[in-house]
């Protein structure tokens, strides 16, 4: 009986692990929690972590590539050499934007410009009638 209970417990744990492995989360640019390259374009001037761009592998070109603005997790900017390859940005000058600027300025403006949340408003208006 003891062996049956132990086997049953292991089977339950395996089933739970299999279900947990299938859960996925997708975060895209313009949402809180997104880390990666962002297009500054006509957005308000970003608040930066460092005043000068960081370049890990300088590219010897006549004209340097344009700077890249990145929102990265805490610690990635400090150890950029270790992380630049994940962002395909090792040879480019990189400006790291501050987390609160990204969340409080960029995300709301990106949502406004790209129509995020309009469907919610329409749906709420239908419910009010």
N, C-alpha and C. Protein backbone atom coordinates (compact mmCIF):
# COMPACT_ATOMS: atom_id res chain seq x y z
N UNK A 1 0.82 -1.19 0.00
CA UNK A 1 0.00 0.00 0.00
C UNK A 1 0.87 1.26 0.00
N UNK A 2 1.96 1.22 0.80
CA UNK A 2 2.86 2.36 0.86
C UNK A 2 3.47 2.66 -0.50
N UNK A 3 3.86 1.59 -1.23
CA UNK A 3 4.45 1.75 -2.56
C UNK A 3 3.43 2.36 -3.52
N UNK A 4 2.19 1.96 -3.40
CA UNK A 4 1.14 2.48 -4.27
C UNK A 4 0.97 3.98 -4.03
N UNK A 5 0.96 4.42 -2.76
CA UNK A 5 0.81 5.83 -2.46
C UNK A 5 1.99 6.66 -2.96
N UNK A 6 3.21 6.12 -2.82
CA UNK A 6 4.40 6.82 -3.28
C UNK A 6 4.37 6.95 -4.81
N UNK A 7 4.01 5.87 -5.49
CA UNK A 7 3.92 5.91 -6.96
C UNK A 7 2.85 6.89 -7.41
N UNK A 8 1.73 6.91 -6.69
CA UNK A 8 0.65 7.83 -7.03
C UNK A 8 1.10 9.29 -6.84
N UNK A 9 1.84 9.56 -5.78
CA UNK A 9 2.34 10.91 -5.51
C UNK A 9 3.31 11.35 -6.60
N UNK A 10 4.22 10.45 -7.01
CA UNK A 10 5.15 10.79 -8.09
C UNK A 10 4.43 11.05 -9.40
N UNK A 11 3.41 10.29 -9.69
CA UNK A 11 2.64 10.49 -10.93
C UNK A 11 1.95 11.85 -10.90
N UNK A 12 1.42 12.24 -9.76
CA UNK A 12 0.78 13.55 -9.64
C UNK A 12 1.76 14.68 -9.85
N UNK A 13 2.95 14.55 -9.29
CA UNK A 13 3.99 15.57 -9.46
C UNK A 13 4.41 15.68 -10.92
N UNK A 14 4.55 14.55 -11.60
CA UNK A 14 4.95 14.56 -13.01
C UNK A 14 3.89 15.24 -13.87
N UNK A 15 2.61 14.97 -13.59
CA UNK A 15 1.54 15.60 -14.36
C UNK A 15 1.52 17.11 -14.13
N UNK A 16 1.72 17.53 -12.89
CA UNK A 16 1.76 18.96 -12.58
C UNK A 16 2.93 19.63 -13.27
N UNK A 17 4.09 19.00 -13.28
CA UNK A 17 5.27 19.56 -13.95
C UNK A 17 5.04 19.67 -15.44
N UNK A 18 4.38 18.68 -16.04
CA UNK A 18 4.11 18.72 -17.47
C UNK A 18 3.18 19.88 -17.80
N UNK A 19 2.17 20.14 -16.98
CA UNK A 19 1.27 21.26 -17.22
C UNK A 19 1.98 22.59 -17.04
N UNK A 20 2.84 22.68 -16.04
CA UNK A 20 3.55 23.92 -15.78
C UNK A 20 4.53 24.24 -16.90
N UNK A 21 5.08 23.22 -17.54
CA UNK A 21 6.05 23.44 -18.60
C UNK A 21 5.40 24.04 -19.84
N UNK A 22 4.09 23.90 -20.01
CA UNK A 22 3.41 24.39 -21.20
C UNK A 22 2.98 25.85 -21.09
N UNK A 23 3.14 26.46 -19.93
CA UNK A 23 2.73 27.84 -19.74
C UNK A 23 3.78 28.76 -20.33
N UNK A 24 3.37 29.77 -21.11
CA UNK A 24 4.31 30.71 -21.71
C UNK A 24 3.80 32.13 -21.55
N UNK A 25 4.72 33.07 -21.53
CA UNK A 25 4.37 34.48 -21.40
C UNK A 25 5.04 35.22 -22.54
N UNK A 26 4.31 36.11 -23.18
CA UNK A 26 4.85 36.90 -24.27
C UNK A 26 4.70 38.37 -23.93
N UNK A 27 5.82 39.09 -23.96
CA UNK A 27 5.82 40.52 -23.69
C UNK A 27 6.43 41.20 -24.91
N UNK A 28 5.76 42.23 -25.44
CA UNK A 28 6.27 42.92 -26.61
C UNK A 28 6.63 44.35 -26.29
N UNK A 29 7.33 44.99 -27.25
CA UNK A 29 7.74 46.38 -27.07
C UNK A 29 6.51 47.23 -26.79
N UNK A 30 6.68 48.20 -25.90
CA UNK A 30 5.57 49.06 -25.53
C UNK A 30 4.79 48.53 -24.34
N UNK A 31 5.26 47.44 -23.74
CA UNK A 31 4.60 46.89 -22.55
C UNK A 31 5.61 46.89 -21.40
N UNK A 32 5.12 47.07 -20.18
CA UNK A 32 6.03 46.93 -19.03
C UNK A 32 6.62 45.52 -19.03
N UNK A 33 7.86 45.40 -18.65
CA UNK A 33 8.52 44.10 -18.60
C UNK A 33 9.25 43.74 -19.88
N UNK A 34 9.14 44.54 -20.93
CA UNK A 34 9.87 44.28 -22.17
C UNK A 34 11.30 44.78 -22.03
N UNK A 35 12.25 43.97 -22.46
CA UNK A 35 13.65 44.38 -22.50
C UNK A 35 14.16 44.18 -23.91
N UNK A 36 14.80 45.19 -24.46
CA UNK A 36 15.36 45.09 -25.80
C UNK A 36 15.41 46.45 -26.46
N UNK A 37 15.61 46.43 -27.78
CA UNK A 37 15.78 47.65 -28.57
C UNK A 37 14.45 48.39 -28.67
N UNK A 38 14.51 49.69 -28.46
CA UNK A 38 13.32 50.52 -28.62
C UNK A 38 13.63 51.64 -29.60
N UNK A 39 12.62 52.03 -30.36
CA UNK A 39 12.78 53.10 -31.34
C UNK A 39 12.38 54.41 -30.68
N UNK A 40 13.32 55.31 -30.51
CA UNK A 40 13.06 56.58 -29.86
C UNK A 40 12.30 57.51 -30.79
N UNK A 41 12.72 57.59 -32.06
CA UNK A 41 12.02 58.42 -33.04
C UNK A 41 11.67 59.79 -32.50
N UNK A 42 10.37 60.10 -32.47
CA UNK A 42 9.89 61.41 -32.00
C UNK A 42 9.44 61.38 -30.53
N UNK A 43 9.82 60.34 -29.80
CA UNK A 43 9.45 60.26 -28.39
C UNK A 43 10.20 61.33 -27.61
N UNK A 44 9.70 61.68 -26.43
CA UNK A 44 10.44 62.64 -25.59
C UNK A 44 11.84 62.12 -25.30
N UNK A 45 12.76 63.04 -25.08
CA UNK A 45 14.15 62.68 -24.80
C UNK A 45 14.21 61.68 -23.65
N UNK A 46 14.85 60.52 -23.86
CA UNK A 46 14.89 59.52 -22.78
C UNK A 46 15.83 59.91 -21.66
N UNK A 47 15.54 59.43 -20.47
CA UNK A 47 16.47 59.55 -19.36
C UNK A 47 17.38 58.33 -19.46
N UNK A 48 18.67 58.56 -19.42
CA UNK A 48 19.66 57.51 -19.67
C UNK A 48 20.35 57.08 -18.39
N UNK A 49 20.82 55.84 -18.40
CA UNK A 49 21.58 55.32 -17.27
C UNK A 49 22.99 55.91 -17.30
N UNK A 50 23.64 55.94 -18.48
CA UNK A 50 24.97 56.53 -18.66
C UNK A 50 24.87 57.64 -19.70
N UNK A 51 25.63 58.72 -19.53
CA UNK A 51 25.57 59.86 -20.45
C UNK A 51 26.20 59.55 -21.80
N UNK A 52 27.21 58.68 -21.83
CA UNK A 52 27.89 58.32 -23.07
C UNK A 52 27.46 56.92 -23.52
N UNK A 53 27.39 56.68 -24.85
CA UNK A 53 27.03 55.34 -25.31
C UNK A 53 28.13 54.35 -24.99
N UNK A 54 27.77 53.09 -24.83
CA UNK A 54 28.72 52.03 -24.52
C UNK A 54 28.93 51.21 -25.80
N UNK A 55 30.20 50.94 -26.15
CA UNK A 55 30.53 50.12 -27.31
C UNK A 55 31.46 49.02 -26.83
N UNK A 56 31.11 47.77 -27.07
CA UNK A 56 31.94 46.65 -26.62
C UNK A 56 32.99 46.29 -27.66
N UNK A 57 32.61 46.10 -28.89
CA UNK A 57 33.55 45.76 -29.96
C UNK A 57 33.54 46.90 -30.97
N UNK A 58 34.44 47.87 -30.82
CA UNK A 58 34.41 49.01 -31.74
C UNK A 58 34.52 48.56 -33.19
N UNK A 59 33.69 49.13 -34.02
CA UNK A 59 33.70 48.85 -35.44
C UNK A 59 34.51 49.96 -36.11
N UNK A 60 35.48 49.59 -36.89
CA UNK A 60 36.34 50.59 -37.54
C UNK A 60 35.76 50.94 -38.90
N UNK A 61 34.83 51.88 -38.87
CA UNK A 61 34.20 52.37 -40.08
C UNK A 61 34.51 53.85 -40.24
N UNK A 62 34.35 54.35 -41.45
CA UNK A 62 34.54 55.77 -41.68
C UNK A 62 33.51 56.55 -40.87
N UNK A 63 32.27 56.06 -40.91
CA UNK A 63 31.19 56.69 -40.15
C UNK A 63 30.63 55.67 -39.16
N UNK A 64 30.64 56.00 -37.87
CA UNK A 64 30.14 55.03 -36.88
C UNK A 64 28.63 54.80 -37.07
N UNK A 65 28.15 53.61 -36.68
CA UNK A 65 26.72 53.34 -36.80
C UNK A 65 25.93 54.24 -35.85
N UNK A 66 24.65 54.47 -36.14
CA UNK A 66 23.85 55.29 -35.24
C UNK A 66 23.68 54.60 -33.89
N UNK A 67 23.50 55.37 -32.83
CA UNK A 67 23.33 54.74 -31.51
C UNK A 67 22.02 53.98 -31.42
N UNK A 68 22.02 53.00 -30.55
CA UNK A 68 20.85 52.18 -30.27
C UNK A 68 20.38 52.51 -28.86
N UNK A 69 19.08 52.64 -28.68
CA UNK A 69 18.52 52.84 -27.35
C UNK A 69 17.96 51.50 -26.89
N UNK A 70 18.39 51.08 -25.70
CA UNK A 70 17.94 49.80 -25.17
C UNK A 70 17.37 49.95 -23.78
N UNK A 71 16.34 49.16 -23.52
CA UNK A 71 15.81 48.99 -22.16
C UNK A 71 16.24 47.60 -21.75
N UNK A 72 17.08 47.52 -20.74
CA UNK A 72 17.63 46.24 -20.30
C UNK A 72 17.33 46.01 -18.82
N UNK A 73 17.32 44.74 -18.40
CA UNK A 73 17.09 44.45 -16.98
C UNK A 73 18.20 45.03 -16.11
N UNK A 74 17.88 45.25 -14.83
CA UNK A 74 18.90 45.76 -13.92
C UNK A 74 20.15 44.88 -13.96
N UNK A 75 21.30 45.49 -14.03
CA UNK A 75 22.56 44.75 -14.04
C UNK A 75 23.13 44.50 -15.42
N UNK A 76 22.30 44.47 -16.47
CA UNK A 76 22.83 44.20 -17.80
C UNK A 76 23.71 45.34 -18.29
N UNK A 77 23.37 46.58 -17.98
CA UNK A 77 24.18 47.71 -18.41
C UNK A 77 25.56 47.68 -17.75
N UNK A 78 25.60 47.29 -16.50
CA UNK A 78 26.88 47.25 -15.76
C UNK A 78 27.81 46.18 -16.31
N UNK A 79 27.25 45.07 -16.76
CA UNK A 79 28.04 43.96 -17.29
C UNK A 79 27.71 43.78 -18.77
N UNK A 80 27.73 44.88 -19.52
CA UNK A 80 27.29 44.90 -20.91
C UNK A 80 28.07 43.93 -21.79
N UNK A 81 29.36 43.78 -21.57
CA UNK A 81 30.16 42.85 -22.37
C UNK A 81 29.58 41.44 -22.33
N UNK A 82 29.04 41.07 -21.21
CA UNK A 82 28.45 39.74 -21.02
C UNK A 82 27.09 39.60 -21.74
N UNK A 83 26.37 40.71 -21.92
CA UNK A 83 24.99 40.64 -22.42
C UNK A 83 24.76 41.20 -23.82
N UNK A 84 25.72 41.94 -24.38
CA UNK A 84 25.47 42.64 -25.65
C UNK A 84 25.08 41.71 -26.78
N UNK A 85 25.59 40.50 -26.78
CA UNK A 85 25.28 39.56 -27.87
C UNK A 85 23.80 39.18 -27.89
N UNK A 86 23.16 39.11 -26.73
CA UNK A 86 21.74 38.78 -26.66
C UNK A 86 20.88 39.80 -27.40
N UNK A 87 21.37 41.04 -27.46
CA UNK A 87 20.61 42.14 -28.06
C UNK A 87 21.14 42.50 -29.45
N UNK A 88 22.10 41.72 -29.97
CA UNK A 88 22.72 41.97 -31.26
C UNK A 88 23.23 43.41 -31.33
N UNK A 89 23.97 43.82 -30.30
CA UNK A 89 24.38 45.22 -30.19
C UNK A 89 25.84 45.38 -29.76
N UNK A 90 26.66 44.35 -29.91
CA UNK A 90 28.03 44.45 -29.41
C UNK A 90 28.87 45.49 -30.14
N UNK A 91 28.68 45.70 -31.42
CA UNK A 91 29.50 46.65 -32.16
C UNK A 91 28.89 48.02 -32.31
N UNK A 92 27.78 48.26 -31.66
CA UNK A 92 27.07 49.53 -31.81
C UNK A 92 27.16 50.36 -30.55
N UNK A 93 27.14 51.70 -30.70
CA UNK A 93 27.04 52.53 -29.50
C UNK A 93 25.64 52.39 -28.92
N UNK A 94 25.58 52.14 -27.63
CA UNK A 94 24.30 51.85 -26.97
C UNK A 94 24.04 52.83 -25.84
N UNK A 95 22.84 53.40 -25.85
CA UNK A 95 22.34 54.18 -24.73
C UNK A 95 21.33 53.32 -23.99
N UNK A 96 21.48 53.21 -22.68
CA UNK A 96 20.55 52.45 -21.86
C UNK A 96 19.53 53.40 -21.24
N UNK A 97 18.25 53.19 -21.53
CA UNK A 97 17.23 54.08 -20.97
C UNK A 97 16.86 53.61 -19.57
N UNK A 98 16.49 54.56 -18.73
CA UNK A 98 16.09 54.24 -17.36
C UNK A 98 14.75 53.52 -17.34
N UNK A 99 14.61 52.61 -16.41
CA UNK A 99 13.41 51.79 -16.28
C UNK A 99 12.16 52.63 -16.07
N UNK A 100 12.23 53.64 -15.18
CA UNK A 100 11.01 54.42 -14.92
C UNK A 100 10.64 55.28 -16.12
N UNK A 101 11.62 55.76 -16.92
CA UNK A 101 11.29 56.51 -18.14
C UNK A 101 10.58 55.59 -19.13
N UNK A 102 11.10 54.37 -19.29
CA UNK A 102 10.47 53.41 -20.21
C UNK A 102 9.02 53.15 -19.80
N UNK A 103 8.80 52.85 -18.51
CA UNK A 103 7.45 52.48 -18.05
C UNK A 103 6.49 53.66 -17.98
N UNK A 104 6.99 54.84 -17.59
CA UNK A 104 6.09 55.98 -17.36
C UNK A 104 5.96 56.94 -18.54
N UNK A 105 6.91 56.92 -19.47
CA UNK A 105 6.85 57.82 -20.63
C UNK A 105 6.67 57.02 -21.92
N UNK A 106 7.60 56.08 -22.17
CA UNK A 106 7.60 55.36 -23.45
C UNK A 106 6.39 54.45 -23.61
N UNK A 107 6.10 53.63 -22.60
CA UNK A 107 4.99 52.67 -22.71
C UNK A 107 3.65 53.37 -22.96
N UNK A 108 3.27 54.40 -22.18
CA UNK A 108 1.99 55.05 -22.46
C UNK A 108 1.96 55.73 -23.85
N UNK A 109 3.06 56.36 -24.23
CA UNK A 109 3.11 57.03 -25.54
C UNK A 109 3.08 56.02 -26.67
N UNK A 110 3.79 54.92 -26.52
CA UNK A 110 3.77 53.86 -27.53
C UNK A 110 2.36 53.30 -27.69
N UNK A 111 1.70 53.08 -26.57
CA UNK A 111 0.32 52.57 -26.60
C UNK A 111 -0.61 53.55 -27.30
N UNK A 112 -0.44 54.84 -27.00
CA UNK A 112 -1.28 55.86 -27.63
C UNK A 112 -1.06 55.89 -29.13
N UNK A 113 0.19 55.85 -29.55
CA UNK A 113 0.52 55.93 -30.98
C UNK A 113 0.15 54.68 -31.76
N UNK A 114 0.21 53.55 -31.14
CA UNK A 114 -0.04 52.29 -31.84
C UNK A 114 -1.41 51.69 -31.56
N UNK A 115 -2.29 52.47 -30.94
CA UNK A 115 -3.67 52.04 -30.76
C UNK A 115 -3.89 50.96 -29.73
N UNK A 116 -2.94 50.74 -28.87
CA UNK A 116 -3.13 49.73 -27.81
C UNK A 116 -4.20 50.23 -26.86
N UNK A 117 -5.14 49.38 -26.52
CA UNK A 117 -6.17 49.74 -25.56
C UNK A 117 -7.43 50.31 -26.19
N UNK A 118 -7.44 50.59 -27.51
CA UNK A 118 -8.64 51.13 -28.14
C UNK A 118 -9.78 50.11 -28.12
N UNK A 119 -9.44 48.84 -28.31
CA UNK A 119 -10.48 47.81 -28.29
C UNK A 119 -11.14 47.73 -26.92
N UNK A 120 -10.36 47.93 -25.86
CA UNK A 120 -10.92 47.91 -24.51
C UNK A 120 -11.95 49.03 -24.36
N UNK A 121 -11.60 50.23 -24.86
CA UNK A 121 -12.51 51.37 -24.73
C UNK A 121 -13.81 51.11 -25.49
N UNK A 122 -13.73 50.57 -26.70
CA UNK A 122 -14.92 50.26 -27.48
C UNK A 122 -15.78 49.24 -26.77
N UNK A 123 -15.10 48.21 -26.19
CA UNK A 123 -15.82 47.15 -25.49
C UNK A 123 -16.52 47.72 -24.25
N UNK A 124 -15.84 48.61 -23.54
CA UNK A 124 -16.45 49.21 -22.35
C UNK A 124 -17.62 50.10 -22.73
N UNK A 125 -17.52 50.84 -23.85
CA UNK A 125 -18.61 51.68 -24.31
C UNK A 125 -19.85 50.86 -24.65
N UNK A 126 -19.66 49.69 -25.26
CA UNK A 126 -20.78 48.82 -25.61
C UNK A 126 -21.50 48.35 -24.35
N UNK A 127 -20.71 48.07 -23.30
CA UNK A 127 -21.30 47.57 -22.05
C UNK A 127 -22.09 48.67 -21.33
N UNK A 128 -21.76 49.95 -21.54
CA UNK A 128 -22.44 51.04 -20.87
C UNK A 128 -23.83 51.28 -21.46
N UNK A 129 -24.04 50.94 -22.72
CA UNK A 129 -25.32 51.22 -23.40
C UNK A 129 -26.42 50.32 -22.91
